[in-house]
Amino acid sequence: MTIRELLDRLSGNRNTSANSACSRLRVVLAHDRSDLSPALLDQMRLEIMEVVSKYLELDYIGSELTLETEERSTALVANLPIRCVRKLSR
């Protein structure tokens, strides 16, 4: 969560269509700057989920892998809903 998002929540600002459009534009710019194809991003999502699922039981339907840009940096953000922690055998 960015400082702007935190301040918006505290001040009671609601998510307007302008805010939604701005957020979508950031996602588009992040994808353009990273030069990753949707197919490659989907493959990365599957591989990341495969590794994480060794340790956690995931909800595959609610998972997302996105690129977010803020100012001049881009971040790969994985939203992987966790059902439970797997018990590891040693």
N, C-alpha and C. Protein backbone atom coordinates (compact mmCIF):
# COMPACT_ATOMS: atom_id res chain seq x y z
N MET A 1 0.84 -1.17 0.00
CA MET A 1 0.00 0.00 0.00
C MET A 1 0.89 1.23 0.00
N THR A 2 0.58 2.14 -0.89
CA THR A 2 1.36 3.36 -0.97
C THR A 2 0.86 4.37 0.06
N ILE A 3 1.65 5.39 0.29
CA ILE A 3 1.25 6.44 1.22
C ILE A 3 -0.02 7.13 0.73
N ARG A 4 -0.10 7.32 -0.58
CA ARG A 4 -1.29 7.96 -1.15
C ARG A 4 -2.54 7.13 -0.86
N GLU A 5 -2.45 5.82 -1.04
CA GLU A 5 -3.59 4.94 -0.77
C GLU A 5 -3.99 5.00 0.70
N LEU A 6 -2.98 5.01 1.58
CA LEU A 6 -3.25 5.09 3.01
C LEU A 6 -3.96 6.40 3.35
N LEU A 7 -3.46 7.50 2.82
CA LEU A 7 -4.09 8.80 3.08
C LEU A 7 -5.50 8.86 2.52
N ASP A 8 -5.71 8.29 1.35
CA ASP A 8 -7.06 8.25 0.78
C ASP A 8 -8.01 7.46 1.66
N ARG A 9 -7.54 6.34 2.19
CA ARG A 9 -8.40 5.54 3.08
C ARG A 9 -8.72 6.29 4.36
N LEU A 10 -7.70 6.94 4.93
CA LEU A 10 -7.91 7.67 6.18
C LEU A 10 -8.83 8.87 5.99
N SER A 11 -8.73 9.53 4.85
CA SER A 11 -9.55 10.72 4.61
C SER A 11 -10.93 10.36 4.07
N GLY A 12 -11.17 9.09 3.77
CA GLY A 12 -12.48 8.67 3.30
C GLY A 12 -12.71 8.85 1.82
N ASN A 13 -11.65 9.15 1.06
CA ASN A 13 -11.81 9.26 -0.39
C ASN A 13 -12.21 7.92 -0.97
N ARG A 14 -13.20 7.96 -1.82
CA ARG A 14 -13.68 6.72 -2.42
C ARG A 14 -13.01 6.49 -3.75
N ASN A 15 -13.06 5.27 -4.18
CA ASN A 15 -12.46 4.89 -5.45
C ASN A 15 -13.35 5.38 -6.59
N THR A 16 -12.95 6.45 -7.21
CA THR A 16 -13.73 7.02 -8.31
C THR A 16 -13.29 6.39 -9.61
N SER A 17 -14.03 6.68 -10.67
CA SER A 17 -13.65 6.14 -11.97
C SER A 17 -12.31 6.71 -12.42
N ALA A 18 -12.00 7.94 -12.03
CA ALA A 18 -10.71 8.53 -12.38
C ALA A 18 -9.57 7.77 -11.69
N ASN A 19 -9.78 7.41 -10.44
CA ASN A 19 -8.76 6.64 -9.72
C ASN A 19 -8.59 5.26 -10.34
N SER A 20 -9.69 4.65 -10.75
CA SER A 20 -9.62 3.33 -11.39
C SER A 20 -8.88 3.42 -12.72
N ALA A 21 -9.17 4.45 -13.49
CA ALA A 21 -8.51 4.63 -14.79
C ALA A 21 -7.01 4.86 -14.59
N CYS A 22 -6.66 5.63 -13.58
CA CYS A 22 -5.25 5.89 -13.29
C CYS A 22 -4.55 4.60 -12.89
N SER A 23 -5.19 3.79 -12.09
CA SER A 23 -4.61 2.52 -11.67
C SER A 23 -4.42 1.59 -12.87
N ARG A 24 -5.40 1.50 -13.75
CA ARG A 24 -5.28 0.66 -14.94
C ARG A 24 -4.16 1.15 -15.84
N LEU A 25 -4.02 2.46 -15.96
CA LEU A 25 -2.96 3.03 -16.78
C LEU A 25 -1.59 2.66 -16.22
N ARG A 26 -1.45 2.66 -14.91
CA ARG A 26 -0.17 2.26 -14.29
C ARG A 26 0.17 0.82 -14.63
N VAL A 27 -0.84 -0.05 -14.62
CA VAL A 27 -0.60 -1.45 -14.95
C VAL A 27 -0.16 -1.58 -16.40
N VAL A 28 -0.82 -0.87 -17.30
CA VAL A 28 -0.46 -0.92 -18.72
C VAL A 28 0.96 -0.41 -18.93
N LEU A 29 1.30 0.69 -18.28
CA LEU A 29 2.66 1.24 -18.40
C LEU A 29 3.70 0.27 -17.85
N ALA A 30 3.39 -0.38 -16.75
CA ALA A 30 4.33 -1.35 -16.17
C ALA A 30 4.58 -2.49 -17.14
N HIS A 31 3.53 -2.99 -17.78
CA HIS A 31 3.71 -4.07 -18.74
C HIS A 31 4.50 -3.61 -19.95
N ASP A 32 4.23 -2.40 -20.42
CA ASP A 32 4.96 -1.87 -21.58
C ASP A 32 6.44 -1.69 -21.26
N ARG A 33 6.74 -1.16 -20.10
CA ARG A 33 8.13 -0.90 -19.72
C ARG A 33 8.91 -2.19 -19.49
N SER A 34 8.24 -3.20 -19.01
CA SER A 34 8.94 -4.45 -18.69
C SER A 34 9.17 -5.31 -19.92
N ASP A 35 8.41 -5.08 -20.96
CA ASP A 35 8.54 -5.83 -22.22
C ASP A 35 8.29 -7.32 -22.00
N LEU A 36 7.38 -7.66 -21.08
CA LEU A 36 6.98 -9.04 -20.84
C LEU A 36 5.67 -9.32 -21.56
N SER A 37 5.62 -10.41 -22.29
CA SER A 37 4.37 -10.77 -22.96
C SER A 37 3.40 -11.36 -21.94
N PRO A 38 2.11 -11.29 -22.22
CA PRO A 38 1.14 -11.91 -21.30
C PRO A 38 1.40 -13.41 -21.11
N ALA A 39 1.84 -14.09 -22.16
CA ALA A 39 2.12 -15.52 -22.06
C ALA A 39 3.28 -15.77 -21.09
N LEU A 40 4.33 -14.95 -21.17
CA LEU A 40 5.47 -15.11 -20.27
C LEU A 40 5.07 -14.79 -18.83
N LEU A 41 4.26 -13.77 -18.65
CA LEU A 41 3.79 -13.41 -17.31
C LEU A 41 2.95 -14.55 -16.72
N ASP A 42 2.13 -15.19 -17.55
CA ASP A 42 1.32 -16.31 -17.09
C ASP A 42 2.20 -17.50 -16.73
N GLN A 43 3.23 -17.76 -17.53
CA GLN A 43 4.16 -18.85 -17.23
C GLN A 43 4.89 -18.59 -15.91
N MET A 44 5.30 -17.34 -15.69
CA MET A 44 5.95 -16.98 -14.43
C MET A 44 5.01 -17.21 -13.26
N ARG A 45 3.74 -16.84 -13.43
CA ARG A 45 2.75 -17.03 -12.36
C ARG A 45 2.64 -18.51 -12.00
N LEU A 46 2.55 -19.35 -13.01
CA LEU A 46 2.42 -20.79 -12.76
C LEU A 46 3.65 -21.36 -12.05
N GLU A 47 4.83 -20.94 -12.47
CA GLU A 47 6.07 -21.43 -11.84
C GLU A 47 6.21 -20.94 -10.41
N ILE A 48 5.87 -19.69 -10.18
CA ILE A 48 5.94 -19.15 -8.81
C ILE A 48 4.96 -19.89 -7.91
N MET A 49 3.75 -20.13 -8.43
CA MET A 49 2.75 -20.85 -7.64
C MET A 49 3.20 -22.28 -7.36
N GLU A 50 3.87 -22.90 -8.31
CA GLU A 50 4.38 -24.26 -8.12
C GLU A 50 5.38 -24.31 -6.97
N VAL A 51 6.28 -23.35 -6.93
CA VAL A 51 7.29 -23.32 -5.86
C VAL A 51 6.64 -23.01 -4.51
N VAL A 52 5.79 -22.00 -4.47
CA VAL A 52 5.16 -21.61 -3.21
C VAL A 52 4.24 -22.72 -2.69
N SER A 53 3.60 -23.46 -3.61
CA SER A 53 2.67 -24.50 -3.18
C SER A 53 3.38 -25.68 -2.50
N LYS A 54 4.70 -25.75 -2.57
CA LYS A 54 5.43 -26.77 -1.82
C LYS A 54 5.32 -26.52 -0.32
N TYR A 55 5.11 -25.26 0.06
CA TYR A 55 5.09 -24.86 1.46
C TYR A 55 3.71 -24.43 1.95
N LEU A 56 2.86 -23.96 1.02
CA LEU A 56 1.54 -23.46 1.37
C LEU A 56 0.50 -24.02 0.44
N GLU A 57 -0.70 -24.25 0.94
CA GLU A 57 -1.81 -24.64 0.08
C GLU A 57 -2.46 -23.35 -0.41
N LEU A 58 -2.48 -23.16 -1.73
CA LEU A 58 -2.94 -21.91 -2.32
C LEU A 58 -4.33 -22.04 -2.93
N ASP A 59 -5.00 -20.91 -3.03
CA ASP A 59 -6.25 -20.82 -3.77
C ASP A 59 -5.89 -20.34 -5.17
N TYR A 60 -5.84 -21.27 -6.11
CA TYR A 60 -5.39 -20.95 -7.46
C TYR A 60 -6.32 -20.00 -8.19
N ILE A 61 -7.60 -20.05 -7.89
CA ILE A 61 -8.57 -19.21 -8.59
C ILE A 61 -8.37 -17.73 -8.26
N GLY A 62 -8.06 -17.42 -7.02
CA GLY A 62 -7.91 -16.02 -6.62
C GLY A 62 -6.52 -15.45 -6.77
N SER A 63 -5.61 -16.18 -7.40
CA SER A 63 -4.23 -15.72 -7.49
C SER A 63 -4.04 -14.73 -8.64
N GLU A 64 -3.11 -13.82 -8.45
CA GLU A 64 -2.77 -12.82 -9.47
C GLU A 64 -1.28 -12.56 -9.44
N LEU A 65 -0.73 -12.27 -10.59
CA LEU A 65 0.65 -11.84 -10.70
C LEU A 65 0.62 -10.62 -11.61
N THR A 66 1.00 -9.47 -11.06
CA THR A 66 0.92 -8.24 -11.84
C THR A 66 2.22 -7.46 -11.72
N LEU A 67 2.37 -6.53 -12.61
CA LEU A 67 3.48 -5.59 -12.56
C LEU A 67 2.90 -4.24 -12.17
N GLU A 68 3.52 -3.59 -11.20
CA GLU A 68 3.07 -2.27 -10.76
C GLU A 68 4.22 -1.29 -10.88
N THR A 69 3.91 -0.14 -11.42
CA THR A 69 4.90 0.91 -11.58
C THR A 69 4.55 2.10 -10.69
N GLU A 70 5.54 2.57 -9.98
CA GLU A 70 5.38 3.77 -9.19
C GLU A 70 6.61 4.63 -9.44
N GLU A 71 6.37 5.78 -9.98
CA GLU A 71 7.42 6.68 -10.43
C GLU A 71 8.30 5.96 -11.45
N ARG A 72 9.54 5.68 -11.15
CA ARG A 72 10.43 5.07 -12.14
C ARG A 72 10.79 3.62 -11.86
N SER A 73 10.13 3.00 -10.88
CA SER A 73 10.44 1.61 -10.57
C SER A 73 9.22 0.72 -10.84
N THR A 74 9.51 -0.50 -11.23
CA THR A 74 8.46 -1.48 -11.51
C THR A 74 8.65 -2.66 -10.57
N ALA A 75 7.54 -3.15 -10.02
CA ALA A 75 7.59 -4.28 -9.09
C ALA A 75 6.69 -5.40 -9.60
N LEU A 76 7.15 -6.61 -9.39
CA LEU A 76 6.35 -7.79 -9.68
C LEU A 76 5.61 -8.12 -8.38
N VAL A 77 4.29 -8.10 -8.44
CA VAL A 77 3.47 -8.30 -7.25
C VAL A 77 2.68 -9.59 -7.39
N ALA A 78 2.86 -10.49 -6.45
CA ALA A 78 2.14 -11.76 -6.46
C ALA A 78 1.10 -11.73 -5.34
N ASN A 79 -0.15 -11.88 -5.72
CA ASN A 79 -1.24 -11.98 -4.76
C ASN A 79 -1.70 -13.43 -4.79
N LEU A 80 -1.27 -14.20 -3.79
CA LEU A 80 -1.54 -15.63 -3.74
C LEU A 80 -2.31 -15.95 -2.47
N PRO A 81 -3.64 -16.07 -2.57
CA PRO A 81 -4.42 -16.39 -1.37
C PRO A 81 -4.02 -17.75 -0.78
N ILE A 82 -3.76 -17.76 0.51
CA ILE A 82 -3.28 -18.96 1.20
C ILE A 82 -4.44 -19.64 1.92
N ARG A 83 -4.61 -20.93 1.67
CA ARG A 83 -5.63 -21.71 2.38
C ARG A 83 -5.09 -22.18 3.72
N CYS A 84 -3.87 -22.76 3.68
CA CYS A 84 -3.24 -23.19 4.93
C CYS A 84 -1.76 -23.47 4.68
N VAL A 85 -1.02 -23.62 5.76
CA VAL A 85 0.41 -23.92 5.70
C VAL A 85 0.56 -25.44 5.68
N ARG A 86 1.40 -25.93 4.76
CA ARG A 86 1.64 -27.36 4.67
C ARG A 86 2.62 -27.79 5.76
N LYS A 87 2.40 -28.97 6.27
CA LYS A 87 3.33 -29.52 7.25
C LYS A 87 4.47 -30.18 6.50
N LEU A 88 5.67 -29.73 6.78
CA LEU A 88 6.85 -30.25 6.11
C LEU A 88 7.39 -31.46 6.84
N SER A 89 7.72 -32.49 6.10
CA SER A 89 8.33 -33.66 6.72
C SER A 89 9.84 -33.52 6.65
N ARG A 90 10.51 -33.86 7.72
CA ARG A 90 11.95 -33.71 7.77
C ARG A 90 12.62 -35.03 7.81
